[in-house]
């Protein structure tokens, strides 16, 4: 919580790329 839009995007890309996401 409380991340900047850039940080939300960067972490989102990281989680998606990891292969473990079902719902984000």
PDBML (XML) file of the C-alpha atoms, coordinates in Angstrom:
<?xml version="1.0" encoding="UTF-8" ?>
<PDBx:datablock datablockName="MODEL"
   xmlns:PDBx="http://pdbml.pdb.org/schema/pdbx-v50.xsd"
   xmlns:xsi="http://www.w3.org/2001/XMLSchema-instance"
   xsi:schemaLocation="http://pdbml.pdb.org/schema/pdbx-v50.xsd pdbx-v50.xsd">
   <PDBx:atom_siteCategory>
      <PDBx:atom_site id="1">
         <PDBx:B_iso_or_equiv>0.00</PDBx:B_iso_or_equiv>
         <PDBx:Cartn_x>0.000</PDBx:Cartn_x>
         <PDBx:Cartn_y>0.000</PDBx:Cartn_y>
         <PDBx:Cartn_z>0.000</PDBx:Cartn_z>
         <PDBx:auth_asym_id>A</PDBx:auth_asym_id>
         <PDBx:auth_atom_id>CA</PDBx:auth_atom_id>
         <PDBx:auth_comp_id>UNK</PDBx:auth_comp_id>
         <PDBx:auth_seq_id>1</PDBx:auth_seq_id>
         <PDBx:group_PDB>ATOM</PDBx:group_PDB>
         <PDBx:label_alt_id xsi:nil="true" />
         <PDBx:label_asym_id>A</PDBx:label_asym_id>
         <PDBx:label_atom_id>CA</PDBx:label_atom_id>
         <PDBx:label_comp_id>UNK</PDBx:label_comp_id>
         <PDBx:label_entity_id>1</PDBx:label_entity_id>
         <PDBx:label_seq_id>1</PDBx:label_seq_id>
         <PDBx:occupancy>1.00</PDBx:occupancy>
         <PDBx:pdbx_PDB_model_num>1</PDBx:pdbx_PDB_model_num>
         <PDBx:type_symbol>C</PDBx:type_symbol>
      </PDBx:atom_site>
      <PDBx:atom_site id="2">
         <PDBx:B_iso_or_equiv>0.00</PDBx:B_iso_or_equiv>
         <PDBx:Cartn_x>1.013</PDBx:Cartn_x>
         <PDBx:Cartn_y>3.600</PDBx:Cartn_y>
         <PDBx:Cartn_z>-0.569</PDBx:Cartn_z>
         <PDBx:auth_asym_id>A</PDBx:auth_asym_id>
         <PDBx:auth_atom_id>CA</PDBx:auth_atom_id>
         <PDBx:auth_comp_id>UNK</PDBx:auth_comp_id>
         <PDBx:auth_seq_id>2</PDBx:auth_seq_id>
         <PDBx:group_PDB>ATOM</PDBx:group_PDB>
         <PDBx:label_alt_id xsi:nil="true" />
         <PDBx:label_asym_id>A</PDBx:label_asym_id>
         <PDBx:label_atom_id>CA</PDBx:label_atom_id>
         <PDBx:label_comp_id>UNK</PDBx:label_comp_id>
         <PDBx:label_entity_id>1</PDBx:label_entity_id>
         <PDBx:label_seq_id>2</PDBx:label_seq_id>
         <PDBx:occupancy>1.00</PDBx:occupancy>
         <PDBx:pdbx_PDB_model_num>1</PDBx:pdbx_PDB_model_num>
         <PDBx:type_symbol>C</PDBx:type_symbol>
      </PDBx:atom_site>
      <PDBx:atom_site id="3">
         <PDBx:B_iso_or_equiv>0.00</PDBx:B_iso_or_equiv>
         <PDBx:Cartn_x>3.356</PDBx:Cartn_x>
         <PDBx:Cartn_y>2.983</PDBx:Cartn_y>
         <PDBx:Cartn_z>-3.496</PDBx:Cartn_z>
         <PDBx:auth_asym_id>A</PDBx:auth_asym_id>
         <PDBx:auth_atom_id>CA</PDBx:auth_atom_id>
         <PDBx:auth_comp_id>UNK</PDBx:auth_comp_id>
         <PDBx:auth_seq_id>3</PDBx:auth_seq_id>
         <PDBx:group_PDB>ATOM</PDBx:group_PDB>
         <PDBx:label_alt_id xsi:nil="true" />
         <PDBx:label_asym_id>A</PDBx:label_asym_id>
         <PDBx:label_atom_id>CA</PDBx:label_atom_id>
         <PDBx:label_comp_id>UNK</PDBx:label_comp_id>
         <PDBx:label_entity_id>1</PDBx:label_entity_id>
         <PDBx:label_seq_id>3</PDBx:label_seq_id>
         <PDBx:occupancy>1.00</PDBx:occupancy>
         <PDBx:pdbx_PDB_model_num>1</PDBx:pdbx_PDB_model_num>
         <PDBx:type_symbol>C</PDBx:type_symbol>
      </PDBx:atom_site>
      <PDBx:atom_site id="4">
         <PDBx:B_iso_or_equiv>0.00</PDBx:B_iso_or_equiv>
         <PDBx:Cartn_x>3.768</PDBx:Cartn_x>
         <PDBx:Cartn_y>5.487</PDBx:Cartn_y>
         <PDBx:Cartn_z>-6.319</PDBx:Cartn_z>
         <PDBx:auth_asym_id>A</PDBx:auth_asym_id>
         <PDBx:auth_atom_id>CA</PDBx:auth_atom_id>
         <PDBx:auth_comp_id>UNK</PDBx:auth_comp_id>
         <PDBx:auth_seq_id>4</PDBx:auth_seq_id>
         <PDBx:group_PDB>ATOM</PDBx:group_PDB>
         <PDBx:label_alt_id xsi:nil="true" />
         <PDBx:label_asym_id>A</PDBx:label_asym_id>
         <PDBx:label_atom_id>CA</PDBx:label_atom_id>
         <PDBx:label_comp_id>UNK</PDBx:label_comp_id>
         <PDBx:label_entity_id>1</PDBx:label_entity_id>
         <PDBx:label_seq_id>4</PDBx:label_seq_id>
         <PDBx:occupancy>1.00</PDBx:occupancy>
         <PDBx:pdbx_PDB_model_num>1</PDBx:pdbx_PDB_model_num>
         <PDBx:type_symbol>C</PDBx:type_symbol>
      </PDBx:atom_site>
      <PDBx:atom_site id="5">
         <PDBx:B_iso_or_equiv>0.00</PDBx:B_iso_or_equiv>
         <PDBx:Cartn_x>2.250</PDBx:Cartn_x>
         <PDBx:Cartn_y>4.632</PDBx:Cartn_y>
         <PDBx:Cartn_z>-9.697</PDBx:Cartn_z>
         <PDBx:auth_asym_id>A</PDBx:auth_asym_id>
         <PDBx:auth_atom_id>CA</PDBx:auth_atom_id>
         <PDBx:auth_comp_id>UNK</PDBx:auth_comp_id>
         <PDBx:auth_seq_id>5</PDBx:auth_seq_id>
         <PDBx:group_PDB>ATOM</PDBx:group_PDB>
         <PDBx:label_alt_id xsi:nil="true" />
         <PDBx:label_asym_id>A</PDBx:label_asym_id>
         <PDBx:label_atom_id>CA</PDBx:label_atom_id>
         <PDBx:label_comp_id>UNK</PDBx:label_comp_id>
         <PDBx:label_entity_id>1</PDBx:label_entity_id>
         <PDBx:label_seq_id>5</PDBx:label_seq_id>
         <PDBx:occupancy>1.00</PDBx:occupancy>
         <PDBx:pdbx_PDB_model_num>1</PDBx:pdbx_PDB_model_num>
         <PDBx:type_symbol>C</PDBx:type_symbol>
      </PDBx:atom_site>
      <PDBx:atom_site id="6">
         <PDBx:B_iso_or_equiv>0.00</PDBx:B_iso_or_equiv>
         <PDBx:Cartn_x>5.723</PDBx:Cartn_x>
         <PDBx:Cartn_y>3.875</PDBx:Cartn_y>
         <PDBx:Cartn_z>-11.038</PDBx:Cartn_z>
         <PDBx:auth_asym_id>A</PDBx:auth_asym_id>
         <PDBx:auth_atom_id>CA</PDBx:auth_atom_id>
         <PDBx:auth_comp_id>UNK</PDBx:auth_comp_id>
         <PDBx:auth_seq_id>6</PDBx:auth_seq_id>
         <PDBx:group_PDB>ATOM</PDBx:group_PDB>
         <PDBx:label_alt_id xsi:nil="true" />
         <PDBx:label_asym_id>A</PDBx:label_asym_id>
         <PDBx:label_atom_id>CA</PDBx:label_atom_id>
         <PDBx:label_comp_id>UNK</PDBx:label_comp_id>
         <PDBx:label_entity_id>1</PDBx:label_entity_id>
         <PDBx:label_seq_id>6</PDBx:label_seq_id>
         <PDBx:occupancy>1.00</PDBx:occupancy>
         <PDBx:pdbx_PDB_model_num>1</PDBx:pdbx_PDB_model_num>
         <PDBx:type_symbol>C</PDBx:type_symbol>
      </PDBx:atom_site>
      <PDBx:atom_site id="7">
         <PDBx:B_iso_or_equiv>0.00</PDBx:B_iso_or_equiv>
         <PDBx:Cartn_x>6.398</PDBx:Cartn_x>
         <PDBx:Cartn_y>1.540</PDBx:Cartn_y>
         <PDBx:Cartn_z>-8.103</PDBx:Cartn_z>
         <PDBx:auth_asym_id>A</PDBx:auth_asym_id>
         <PDBx:auth_atom_id>CA</PDBx:auth_atom_id>
         <PDBx:auth_comp_id>UNK</PDBx:auth_comp_id>
         <PDBx:auth_seq_id>7</PDBx:auth_seq_id>
         <PDBx:group_PDB>ATOM</PDBx:group_PDB>
         <PDBx:label_alt_id xsi:nil="true" />
         <PDBx:label_asym_id>A</PDBx:label_asym_id>
         <PDBx:label_atom_id>CA</PDBx:label_atom_id>
         <PDBx:label_comp_id>UNK</PDBx:label_comp_id>
         <PDBx:label_entity_id>1</PDBx:label_entity_id>
         <PDBx:label_seq_id>7</PDBx:label_seq_id>
         <PDBx:occupancy>1.00</PDBx:occupancy>
         <PDBx:pdbx_PDB_model_num>1</PDBx:pdbx_PDB_model_num>
         <PDBx:type_symbol>C</PDBx:type_symbol>
      </PDBx:atom_site>
      <PDBx:atom_site id="8">
         <PDBx:B_iso_or_equiv>0.00</PDBx:B_iso_or_equiv>
         <PDBx:Cartn_x>3.014</PDBx:Cartn_x>
         <PDBx:Cartn_y>-0.154</PDBx:Cartn_y>
         <PDBx:Cartn_z>-8.491</PDBx:Cartn_z>
         <PDBx:auth_asym_id>A</PDBx:auth_asym_id>
         <PDBx:auth_atom_id>CA</PDBx:auth_atom_id>
         <PDBx:auth_comp_id>UNK</PDBx:auth_comp_id>
         <PDBx:auth_seq_id>8</PDBx:auth_seq_id>
         <PDBx:group_PDB>ATOM</PDBx:group_PDB>
         <PDBx:label_alt_id xsi:nil="true" />
         <PDBx:label_asym_id>A</PDBx:label_asym_id>
         <PDBx:label_atom_id>CA</PDBx:label_atom_id>
         <PDBx:label_comp_id>UNK</PDBx:label_comp_id>
         <PDBx:label_entity_id>1</PDBx:label_entity_id>
         <PDBx:label_seq_id>8</PDBx:label_seq_id>
         <PDBx:occupancy>1.00</PDBx:occupancy>
         <PDBx:pdbx_PDB_model_num>1</PDBx:pdbx_PDB_model_num>
         <PDBx:type_symbol>C</PDBx:type_symbol>
      </PDBx:atom_site>
      <PDBx:atom_site id="9">
         <PDBx:B_iso_or_equiv>0.00</PDBx:B_iso_or_equiv>
         <PDBx:Cartn_x>3.786</PDBx:Cartn_x>
         <PDBx:Cartn_y>-0.777</PDBx:Cartn_y>
         <PDBx:Cartn_z>-12.156</PDBx:Cartn_z>
         <PDBx:auth_asym_id>A</PDBx:auth_asym_id>
         <PDBx:auth_atom_id>CA</PDBx:auth_atom_id>
         <PDBx:auth_comp_id>UNK</PDBx:auth_comp_id>
         <PDBx:auth_seq_id>9</PDBx:auth_seq_id>
         <PDBx:group_PDB>ATOM</PDBx:group_PDB>
         <PDBx:label_alt_id xsi:nil="true" />
         <PDBx:label_asym_id>A</PDBx:label_asym_id>
         <PDBx:label_atom_id>CA</PDBx:label_atom_id>
         <PDBx:label_comp_id>UNK</PDBx:label_comp_id>
         <PDBx:label_entity_id>1</PDBx:label_entity_id>
         <PDBx:label_seq_id>9</PDBx:label_seq_id>
         <PDBx:occupancy>1.00</PDBx:occupancy>
         <PDBx:pdbx_PDB_model_num>1</PDBx:pdbx_PDB_model_num>
         <PDBx:type_symbol>C</PDBx:type_symbol>
      </PDBx:atom_site>
      <PDBx:atom_site id="10">
         <PDBx:B_iso_or_equiv>0.00</PDBx:B_iso_or_equiv>
         <PDBx:Cartn_x>7.319</PDBx:Cartn_x>
         <PDBx:Cartn_y>-2.048</PDBx:Cartn_y>
         <PDBx:Cartn_z>-11.556</PDBx:Cartn_z>
         <PDBx:auth_asym_id>A</PDBx:auth_asym_id>
         <PDBx:auth_atom_id>CA</PDBx:auth_atom_id>
         <PDBx:auth_comp_id>UNK</PDBx:auth_comp_id>
         <PDBx:auth_seq_id>10</PDBx:auth_seq_id>
         <PDBx:group_PDB>ATOM</PDBx:group_PDB>
         <PDBx:label_alt_id xsi:nil="true" />
         <PDBx:label_asym_id>A</PDBx:label_asym_id>
         <PDBx:label_atom_id>CA</PDBx:label_atom_id>
         <PDBx:label_comp_id>UNK</PDBx:label_comp_id>
         <PDBx:label_entity_id>1</PDBx:label_entity_id>
         <PDBx:label_seq_id>10</PDBx:label_seq_id>
         <PDBx:occupancy>1.00</PDBx:occupancy>
         <PDBx:pdbx_PDB_model_num>1</PDBx:pdbx_PDB_model_num>
         <PDBx:type_symbol>C</PDBx:type_symbol>
      </PDBx:atom_site>
      <PDBx:atom_site id="11">
         <PDBx:B_iso_or_equiv>0.00</PDBx:B_iso_or_equiv>
         <PDBx:Cartn_x>6.238</PDBx:Cartn_x>
         <PDBx:Cartn_y>-4.431</PDBx:Cartn_y>
         <PDBx:Cartn_z>-8.801</PDBx:Cartn_z>
         <PDBx:auth_asym_id>A</PDBx:auth_asym_id>
         <PDBx:auth_atom_id>CA</PDBx:auth_atom_id>
         <PDBx:auth_comp_id>UNK</PDBx:auth_comp_id>
         <PDBx:auth_seq_id>11</PDBx:auth_seq_id>
         <PDBx:group_PDB>ATOM</PDBx:group_PDB>
         <PDBx:label_alt_id xsi:nil="true" />
         <PDBx:label_asym_id>A</PDBx:label_asym_id>
         <PDBx:label_atom_id>CA</PDBx:label_atom_id>
         <PDBx:label_comp_id>UNK</PDBx:label_comp_id>
         <PDBx:label_entity_id>1</PDBx:label_entity_id>
         <PDBx:label_seq_id>11</PDBx:label_seq_id>
         <PDBx:occupancy>1.00</PDBx:occupancy>
         <PDBx:pdbx_PDB_model_num>1</PDBx:pdbx_PDB_model_num>
         <PDBx:type_symbol>C</PDBx:type_symbol>
      </PDBx:atom_site>
      <PDBx:atom_site id="12">
         <PDBx:B_iso_or_equiv>0.00</PDBx:B_iso_or_equiv>
         <PDBx:Cartn_x>3.262</PDBx:Cartn_x>
         <PDBx:Cartn_y>-5.545</PDBx:Cartn_y>
         <PDBx:Cartn_z>-10.880</PDBx:Cartn_z>
         <PDBx:auth_asym_id>A</PDBx:auth_asym_id>
         <PDBx:auth_atom_id>CA</PDBx:auth_atom_id>
         <PDBx:auth_comp_id>UNK</PDBx:auth_comp_id>
         <PDBx:auth_seq_id>12</PDBx:auth_seq_id>
         <PDBx:group_PDB>ATOM</PDBx:group_PDB>
         <PDBx:label_alt_id xsi:nil="true" />
         <PDBx:label_asym_id>A</PDBx:label_asym_id>
         <PDBx:label_atom_id>CA</PDBx:label_atom_id>
         <PDBx:label_comp_id>UNK</PDBx:label_comp_id>
         <PDBx:label_entity_id>1</PDBx:label_entity_id>
         <PDBx:label_seq_id>12</PDBx:label_seq_id>
         <PDBx:occupancy>1.00</PDBx:occupancy>
         <PDBx:pdbx_PDB_model_num>1</PDBx:pdbx_PDB_model_num>
         <PDBx:type_symbol>C</PDBx:type_symbol>
      </PDBx:atom_site>
      <PDBx:atom_site id="13">
         <PDBx:B_iso_or_equiv>0.00</PDBx:B_iso_or_equiv>
         <PDBx:Cartn_x>5.523</PDBx:Cartn_x>
         <PDBx:Cartn_y>-6.467</PDBx:Cartn_y>
         <PDBx:Cartn_z>-13.797</PDBx:Cartn_z>
         <PDBx:auth_asym_id>A</PDBx:auth_asym_id>
         <PDBx:auth_atom_id>CA</PDBx:auth_atom_id>
         <PDBx:auth_comp_id>UNK</PDBx:auth_comp_id>
         <PDBx:auth_seq_id>13</PDBx:auth_seq_id>
         <PDBx:group_PDB>ATOM</PDBx:group_PDB>
         <PDBx:label_alt_id xsi:nil="true" />
         <PDBx:label_asym_id>A</PDBx:label_asym_id>
         <PDBx:label_atom_id>CA</PDBx:label_atom_id>
         <PDBx:label_comp_id>UNK</PDBx:label_comp_id>
         <PDBx:label_entity_id>1</PDBx:label_entity_id>
         <PDBx:label_seq_id>13</PDBx:label_seq_id>
         <PDBx:occupancy>1.00</PDBx:occupancy>
         <PDBx:pdbx_PDB_model_num>1</PDBx:pdbx_PDB_model_num>
         <PDBx:type_symbol>C</PDBx:type_symbol>
      </PDBx:atom_site>
      <PDBx:atom_site id="14">
         <PDBx:B_iso_or_equiv>0.00</PDBx:B_iso_or_equiv>
         <PDBx:Cartn_x>7.793</PDBx:Cartn_x>
         <PDBx:Cartn_y>-8.338</PDBx:Cartn_y>
         <PDBx:Cartn_z>-11.389</PDBx:Cartn_z>
         <PDBx:auth_asym_id>A</PDBx:auth_asym_id>
         <PDBx:auth_atom_id>CA</PDBx:auth_atom_id>
         <PDBx:auth_comp_id>UNK</PDBx:auth_comp_id>
         <PDBx:auth_seq_id>14</PDBx:auth_seq_id>
         <PDBx:group_PDB>ATOM</PDBx:group_PDB>
         <PDBx:label_alt_id xsi:nil="true" />
         <PDBx:label_asym_id>A</PDBx:label_asym_id>
         <PDBx:label_atom_id>CA</PDBx:label_atom_id>
         <PDBx:label_comp_id>UNK</PDBx:label_comp_id>
         <PDBx:label_entity_id>1</PDBx:label_entity_id>
         <PDBx:label_seq_id>14</PDBx:label_seq_id>
         <PDBx:occupancy>1.00</PDBx:occupancy>
         <PDBx:pdbx_PDB_model_num>1</PDBx:pdbx_PDB_model_num>
         <PDBx:type_symbol>C</PDBx:type_symbol>
      </PDBx:atom_site>
      <PDBx:atom_site id="15">
         <PDBx:B_iso_or_equiv>0.00</PDBx:B_iso_or_equiv>
         <PDBx:Cartn_x>4.952</PDBx:Cartn_x>
         <PDBx:Cartn_y>-10.393</PDBx:Cartn_y>
         <PDBx:Cartn_z>-9.908</PDBx:Cartn_z>
         <PDBx:auth_asym_id>A</PDBx:auth_asym_id>
         <PDBx:auth_atom_id>CA</PDBx:auth_atom_id>
         <PDBx:auth_comp_id>UNK</PDBx:auth_comp_id>
         <PDBx:auth_seq_id>15</PDBx:auth_seq_id>
         <PDBx:group_PDB>ATOM</PDBx:group_PDB>
         <PDBx:label_alt_id xsi:nil="true" />
         <PDBx:label_asym_id>A</PDBx:label_asym_id>
         <PDBx:label_atom_id>CA</PDBx:label_atom_id>
         <PDBx:label_comp_id>UNK</PDBx:label_comp_id>
         <PDBx:label_entity_id>1</PDBx:label_entity_id>
         <PDBx:label_seq_id>15</PDBx:label_seq_id>
         <PDBx:occupancy>1.00</PDBx:occupancy>
         <PDBx:pdbx_PDB_model_num>1</PDBx:pdbx_PDB_model_num>
         <PDBx:type_symbol>C</PDBx:type_symbol>
      </PDBx:atom_site>
      <PDBx:atom_site id="16">
         <PDBx:B_iso_or_equiv>0.00</PDBx:B_iso_or_equiv>
         <PDBx:Cartn_x>3.383</PDBx:Cartn_x>
         <PDBx:Cartn_y>-11.184</PDBx:Cartn_y>
         <PDBx:Cartn_z>-13.290</PDBx:Cartn_z>
         <PDBx:auth_asym_id>A</PDBx:auth_asym_id>
         <PDBx:auth_atom_id>CA</PDBx:auth_atom_id>
         <PDBx:auth_comp_id>UNK</PDBx:auth_comp_id>
         <PDBx:auth_seq_id>16</PDBx:auth_seq_id>
         <PDBx:group_PDB>ATOM</PDBx:group_PDB>
         <PDBx:label_alt_id xsi:nil="true" />
         <PDBx:label_asym_id>A</PDBx:label_asym_id>
         <PDBx:label_atom_id>CA</PDBx:label_atom_id>
         <PDBx:label_comp_id>UNK</PDBx:label_comp_id>
         <PDBx:label_entity_id>1</PDBx:label_entity_id>
         <PDBx:label_seq_id>16</PDBx:label_seq_id>
         <PDBx:occupancy>1.00</PDBx:occupancy>
         <PDBx:pdbx_PDB_model_num>1</PDBx:pdbx_PDB_model_num>
         <PDBx:type_symbol>C</PDBx:type_symbol>
      </PDBx:atom_site>
      <PDBx:atom_site id="17">
         <PDBx:B_iso_or_equiv>0.00</PDBx:B_iso_or_equiv>
         <PDBx:Cartn_x>6.739</PDBx:Cartn_x>
         <PDBx:Cartn_y>-12.258</PDBx:Cartn_y>
         <PDBx:Cartn_z>-14.703</PDBx:Cartn_z>
         <PDBx:auth_asym_id>A</PDBx:auth_asym_id>
         <PDBx:auth_atom_id>CA</PDBx:auth_atom_id>
         <PDBx:auth_comp_id>UNK</PDBx:auth_comp_id>
         <PDBx:auth_seq_id>17</PDBx:auth_seq_id>
         <PDBx:group_PDB>ATOM</PDBx:group_PDB>
         <PDBx:label_alt_id xsi:nil="true" />
         <PDBx:label_asym_id>A</PDBx:label_asym_id>
         <PDBx:label_atom_id>CA</PDBx:label_atom_id>
         <PDBx:label_comp_id>UNK</PDBx:label_comp_id>
         <PDBx:label_entity_id>1</PDBx:label_entity_id>
         <PDBx:label_seq_id>17</PDBx:label_seq_id>
         <PDBx:occupancy>1.00</PDBx:occupancy>
         <PDBx:pdbx_PDB_model_num>1</PDBx:pdbx_PDB_model_num>
         <PDBx:type_symbol>C</PDBx:type_symbol>
      </PDBx:atom_site>
      <PDBx:atom_site id="18">
         <PDBx:B_iso_or_equiv>0.00</PDBx:B_iso_or_equiv>
         <PDBx:Cartn_x>7.370</PDBx:Cartn_x>
         <PDBx:Cartn_y>-14.578</PDBx:Cartn_y>
         <PDBx:Cartn_z>-11.760</PDBx:Cartn_z>
         <PDBx:auth_asym_id>A</PDBx:auth_asym_id>
         <PDBx:auth_atom_id>CA</PDBx:auth_atom_id>
         <PDBx:auth_comp_id>UNK</PDBx:auth_comp_id>
         <PDBx:auth_seq_id>18</PDBx:auth_seq_id>
         <PDBx:group_PDB>ATOM</PDBx:group_PDB>
         <PDBx:label_alt_id xsi:nil="true" />
         <PDBx:label_asym_id>A</PDBx:label_asym_id>
         <PDBx:label_atom_id>CA</PDBx:label_atom_id>
         <PDBx:label_comp_id>UNK</PDBx:label_comp_id>
         <PDBx:label_entity_id>1</PDBx:label_entity_id>
         <PDBx:label_seq_id>18</PDBx:label_seq_id>
         <PDBx:occupancy>1.00</PDBx:occupancy>
         <PDBx:pdbx_PDB_model_num>1</PDBx:pdbx_PDB_model_num>
         <PDBx:type_symbol>C</PDBx:type_symbol>
      </PDBx:atom_site>
      <PDBx:atom_site id="19">
         <PDBx:B_iso_or_equiv>0.00</PDBx:B_iso_or_equiv>
         <PDBx:Cartn_x>4.691</PDBx:Cartn_x>
         <PDBx:Cartn_y>-16.975</PDBx:Cartn_y>
         <PDBx:Cartn_z>-12.979</PDBx:Cartn_z>
         <PDBx:auth_asym_id>A</PDBx:auth_asym_id>
         <PDBx:auth_atom_id>CA</PDBx:auth_atom_id>
         <PDBx:auth_comp_id>UNK</PDBx:auth_comp_id>
         <PDBx:auth_seq_id>19</PDBx:auth_seq_id>
         <PDBx:group_PDB>ATOM</PDBx:group_PDB>
         <PDBx:label_alt_id xsi:nil="true" />
         <PDBx:label_asym_id>A</PDBx:label_asym_id>
         <PDBx:label_atom_id>CA</PDBx:label_atom_id>
         <PDBx:label_comp_id>UNK</PDBx:label_comp_id>
         <PDBx:label_entity_id>1</PDBx:label_entity_id>
         <PDBx:label_seq_id>19</PDBx:label_seq_id>
         <PDBx:occupancy>1.00</PDBx:occupancy>
         <PDBx:pdbx_PDB_model_num>1</PDBx:pdbx_PDB_model_num>
         <PDBx:type_symbol>C</PDBx:type_symbol>
      </PDBx:atom_site>
      <PDBx:atom_site id="20">
         <PDBx:B_iso_or_equiv>0.00</PDBx:B_iso_or_equiv>
         <PDBx:Cartn_x>2.958</PDBx:Cartn_x>
         <PDBx:Cartn_y>-17.405</PDBx:Cartn_y>
         <PDBx:Cartn_z>-9.615</PDBx:Cartn_z>
         <PDBx:auth_asym_id>A</PDBx:auth_asym_id>
         <PDBx:auth_atom_id>CA</PDBx:auth_atom_id>
         <PDBx:auth_comp_id>UNK</PDBx:auth_comp_id>
         <PDBx:auth_seq_id>20</PDBx:auth_seq_id>
         <PDBx:group_PDB>ATOM</PDBx:group_PDB>
         <PDBx:label_alt_id xsi:nil="true" />
         <PDBx:label_asym_id>A</PDBx:label_asym_id>
         <PDBx:label_atom_id>CA</PDBx:label_atom_id>
         <PDBx:label_comp_id>UNK</PDBx:label_comp_id>
         <PDBx:label_entity_id>1</PDBx:label_entity_id>
         <PDBx:label_seq_id>20</PDBx:label_seq_id>
         <PDBx:occupancy>1.00</PDBx:occupancy>
         <PDBx:pdbx_PDB_model_num>1</PDBx:pdbx_PDB_model_num>
         <PDBx:type_symbol>C</PDBx:type_symbol>
      </PDBx:atom_site>
      <PDBx:atom_site id="21">
         <PDBx:B_iso_or_equiv>0.00</PDBx:B_iso_or_equiv>
         <PDBx:Cartn_x>0.125</PDBx:Cartn_x>
         <PDBx:Cartn_y>-14.873</PDBx:Cartn_y>
         <PDBx:Cartn_z>-9.976</PDBx:Cartn_z>
         <PDBx:auth_asym_id>A</PDBx:auth_asym_id>
         <PDBx:auth_atom_id>CA</PDBx:auth_atom_id>
         <PDBx:auth_comp_id>UNK</PDBx:auth_comp_id>
         <PDBx:auth_seq_id>21</PDBx:auth_seq_id>
         <PDBx:group_PDB>ATOM</PDBx:group_PDB>
         <PDBx:label_alt_id xsi:nil="true" />
         <PDBx:label_asym_id>A</PDBx:label_asym_id>
         <PDBx:label_atom_id>CA</PDBx:label_atom_id>
         <PDBx:label_comp_id>UNK</PDBx:label_comp_id>
         <PDBx:label_entity_id>1</PDBx:label_entity_id>
         <PDBx:label_seq_id>21</PDBx:label_seq_id>
         <PDBx:occupancy>1.00</PDBx:occupancy>
         <PDBx:pdbx_PDB_model_num>1</PDBx:pdbx_PDB_model_num>
         <PDBx:type_symbol>C</PDBx:type_symbol>
      </PDBx:atom_site>
      <PDBx:atom_site id="22">
         <PDBx:B_iso_or_equiv>0.00</PDBx:B_iso_or_equiv>
         <PDBx:Cartn_x>-3.476</PDBx:Cartn_x>
         <PDBx:Cartn_y>-16.089</PDBx:Cartn_y>
         <PDBx:Cartn_z>-10.147</PDBx:Cartn_z>
         <PDBx:auth_asym_id>A</PDBx:auth_asym_id>
         <PDBx:auth_atom_id>CA</PDBx:auth_atom_id>
         <PDBx:auth_comp_id>UNK</PDBx:auth_comp_id>
         <PDBx:auth_seq_id>22</PDBx:auth_seq_id>
         <PDBx:group_PDB>ATOM</PDBx:group_PDB>
         <PDBx:label_alt_id xsi:nil="true" />
         <PDBx:label_asym_id>A</PDBx:label_asym_id>
         <PDBx:label_atom_id>CA</PDBx:label_atom_id>
         <PDBx:label_comp_id>UNK</PDBx:label_comp_id>
         <PDBx:label_entity_id>1</PDBx:label_entity_id>
         <PDBx:label_seq_id>22</PDBx:label_seq_id>
         <PDBx:occupancy>1.00</PDBx:occupancy>
         <PDBx:pdbx_PDB_model_num>1</PDBx:pdbx_PDB_model_num>
         <PDBx:type_symbol>C</PDBx:type_symbol>
      </PDBx:atom_site>
      <PDBx:atom_site id="23">
         <PDBx:B_iso_or_equiv>0.00</PDBx:B_iso_or_equiv>
         <PDBx:Cartn_x>-5.228</PDBx:Cartn_x>
         <PDBx:Cartn_y>-12.810</PDBx:Cartn_y>
         <PDBx:Cartn_z>-9.312</PDBx:Cartn_z>
         <PDBx:auth_asym_id>A</PDBx:auth_asym_id>
         <PDBx:auth_atom_id>CA</PDBx:auth_atom_id>
         <PDBx:auth_comp_id>UNK</PDBx:auth_comp_id>
         <PDBx:auth_seq_id>23</PDBx:auth_seq_id>
         <PDBx:group_PDB>ATOM</PDBx:group_PDB>
         <PDBx:label_alt_id xsi:nil="true" />
         <PDBx:label_asym_id>A</PDBx:label_asym_id>
         <PDBx:label_atom_id>CA</PDBx:label_atom_id>
         <PDBx:label_comp_id>UNK</PDBx:label_comp_id>
         <PDBx:label_entity_id>1</PDBx:label_entity_id>
         <PDBx:label_seq_id>23</PDBx:label_seq_id>
         <PDBx:occupancy>1.00</PDBx:occupancy>
         <PDBx:pdbx_PDB_model_num>1</PDBx:pdbx_PDB_model_num>
         <PDBx:type_symbol>C</PDBx:type_symbol>
      </PDBx:atom_site>
      <PDBx:atom_site id="24">
         <PDBx:B_iso_or_equiv>0.00</PDBx:B_iso_or_equiv>
         <PDBx:Cartn_x>-3.531</PDBx:Cartn_x>
         <PDBx:Cartn_y>-9.438</PDBx:Cartn_y>
         <PDBx:Cartn_z>-9.008</PDBx:Cartn_z>
         <PDBx:auth_asym_id>A</PDBx:auth_asym_id>
         <PDBx:auth_atom_id>CA</PDBx:auth_atom_id>
         <PDBx:auth_comp_id>UNK</PDBx:auth_comp_id>
         <PDBx:auth_seq_id>24</PDBx:auth_seq_id>
         <PDBx:group_PDB>ATOM</PDBx:group_PDB>
         <PDBx:label_alt_id xsi:nil="true" />
         <PDBx:label_asym_id>A</PDBx:label_asym_id>
         <PDBx:label_atom_id>CA</PDBx:label_atom_id>
         <PDBx:label_comp_id>UNK</PDBx:label_comp_id>
         <PDBx:label_entity_id>1</PDBx:label_entity_id>
         <PDBx:label_seq_id>24</PDBx:label_seq_id>
         <PDBx:occupancy>1.00</PDBx:occupancy>
         <PDBx:pdbx_PDB_model_num>1</PDBx:pdbx_PDB_model_num>
         <PDBx:type_symbol>C</PDBx:type_symbol>
      </PDBx:atom_site>
   </PDBx:atom_siteCategory>
</PDBx:datablock>
